[in-house]
Protein backbone atom coordinates (compact mmCIF):
# COMPACT_ATOMS: atom_id res chain seq x y z
CA MET A 1 -28.48 -66.01 16.63
CA ASP A 2 -28.06 -62.81 18.61
CA PRO A 3 -26.08 -60.42 16.20
CA ARG A 4 -23.90 -59.23 19.05
CA ARG A 5 -22.46 -62.82 19.43
CA ALA A 6 -22.04 -63.48 15.69
CA GLY A 7 -18.32 -62.13 15.62
CA SER A 8 -17.31 -64.44 18.53
CA ALA A 9 -19.20 -67.37 16.74
CA ILE A 10 -17.35 -66.89 13.61
CA VAL A 11 -14.03 -66.70 15.37
CA GLY A 12 -14.79 -69.73 17.30
CA ALA A 13 -15.87 -71.70 14.08
CA ILE A 14 -12.81 -70.86 12.04
CA GLY A 15 -10.20 -70.72 14.94
CA GLY A 16 -9.28 -74.19 14.72
CA ARG A 17 -8.73 -74.01 11.08
CA LEU A 18 -6.53 -71.04 11.30
CA THR A 19 -3.98 -72.88 13.55
CA GLU A 20 -3.68 -75.82 11.16
CA LYS A 21 -0.21 -76.45 9.23
CA GLY A 22 -0.70 -75.43 5.55
CA ALA A 23 -3.80 -73.27 6.28
CA GLY A 24 -2.50 -69.91 4.99
CA LEU A 25 -1.28 -67.88 7.90
CA GLU A 26 -0.67 -70.69 10.26
CA LEU A 27 -1.73 -68.69 13.29
CA THR A 28 -0.79 -69.57 16.85
CA ALA A 29 -3.55 -69.99 19.39
CA THR A 30 -2.66 -66.51 20.76
CA GLN A 31 -2.86 -64.80 17.44
CA VAL A 32 -6.33 -66.38 16.93
CA GLY A 33 -7.44 -64.90 20.25
CA LEU A 34 -6.00 -61.54 19.15
CA THR A 35 -7.91 -61.81 15.99
CA GLY A 36 -11.15 -62.38 17.98
CA CYS A 37 -10.52 -59.38 20.36
CA ALA A 38 -9.73 -57.27 17.44
CA TYR A 39 -13.06 -58.11 15.70
CA ILE A 40 -15.04 -57.54 18.68
CA LEU A 41 -13.37 -54.25 19.43
CA GLY A 42 -13.88 -53.09 15.83
CA ALA A 43 -17.39 -54.08 16.06
CA ARG A 44 -18.10 -51.97 19.13
CA ALA A 45 -16.35 -49.07 17.74
CA GLY A 46 -18.05 -49.29 14.57
CA ALA A 47 -21.46 -49.60 16.36
CA LEU A 48 -20.97 -46.45 18.27
CA PHE A 49 -19.76 -44.38 15.22
CA PHE A 50 -22.28 -45.78 12.65
CA GLY A 51 -25.27 -45.54 15.12
CA ARG A 52 -24.73 -42.08 15.29
CA LEU A 53 -24.09 -41.48 11.72
CA ALA A 54 -27.17 -43.50 10.85
CA ASP A 55 -29.44 -41.03 12.69
CA THR A 56 -28.26 -38.29 10.66
CA THR A 57 -27.97 -39.74 7.22
CA GLY A 58 -30.49 -42.59 7.34
CA ARG A 59 -30.06 -46.27 7.83
CA LYS A 60 -30.79 -47.31 4.31
CA LYS A 61 -28.15 -45.26 2.59
CA LEU A 62 -25.66 -46.12 5.45
CA PHE A 63 -26.35 -49.76 5.13
CA MET A 64 -25.60 -49.84 1.43
CA LEU A 65 -22.20 -48.06 1.99
CA THR A 66 -21.27 -50.24 4.77
CA LEU A 67 -22.20 -53.37 2.66
CA GLY A 68 -19.54 -52.32 0.24
CA ILE A 69 -17.03 -51.68 3.03
CA PHE A 70 -17.95 -55.09 4.45
CA LEU A 71 -17.48 -56.85 1.24
CA ALA A 72 -13.93 -55.08 0.54
CA GLY A 73 -12.90 -56.00 4.11
CA SER A 74 -13.86 -59.57 3.62
CA VAL A 75 -12.08 -59.85 0.17
CA LEU A 76 -9.00 -58.10 1.69
CA THR A 77 -9.15 -60.60 4.65
CA ALA A 78 -9.04 -63.61 2.27
CA PHE A 79 -5.89 -62.18 0.53
CA SER A 80 -4.08 -61.16 3.47
CA MET A 81 -0.49 -62.44 3.66
CA THR A 82 0.63 -61.15 7.15
CA PHE A 83 -0.93 -61.41 10.55
CA VAL A 84 -1.03 -57.64 10.95
CA TRP A 85 -2.82 -57.22 7.68
CA PHE A 86 -5.24 -60.11 8.62
CA ILE A 87 -5.98 -58.21 11.79
CA VAL A 88 -6.48 -54.79 9.96
CA CYS A 89 -8.95 -56.40 7.52
CA ARG A 90 -10.79 -58.10 10.23
CA VAL A 91 -11.29 -54.81 11.98
CA ILE A 92 -12.48 -53.16 8.92
CA THR A 93 -14.94 -56.03 8.33
CA ALA A 94 -16.22 -55.85 11.93
CA TRP A 95 -16.42 -52.06 11.72
CA ALA A 96 -18.59 -52.38 8.80
CA TRP A 97 -20.65 -55.22 10.05
CA ALA A 98 -21.57 -53.29 13.27
CA ALA A 99 -23.37 -50.77 11.22
CA SER A 100 -26.17 -53.02 10.64
CA THR A 101 -26.61 -53.69 14.34
CA GLY A 102 -25.40 -50.33 15.56
CA PRO A 103 -27.56 -48.47 18.34
CA SER A 104 -29.41 -45.49 17.66
CA THR A 105 -28.56 -42.30 19.62
CA ARG A 106 -32.16 -40.92 19.40
CA ARG A 107 -34.22 -41.02 22.51
CA TRP A 108 -37.82 -41.72 21.56
CA THR A 109 -40.51 -40.45 23.85
CA SER A 110 -44.12 -41.13 23.93
């Protein structure tokens, strides 16, 4: 799967489950859409930020750091009790996920 589409695939896979009665937050269809939008925006912002940072600090070190951020964001998402906190946690998760697929700002010449 193309890593740029993984976020939308995840939201699509769990979107139906999030709207069911008794499924935790019981989100509306609009809230599920906003969740997907927030994830994608967080991923794009993270890719731009971490791509530049990876060029200066090194991808291996940064990957280990963002792996911890991703794990923390995922755990916090699982325990979110309000829609706003759910969105914040999803943005943190997307932001960290984007570090592994972030573009490099270096321009290679031959």
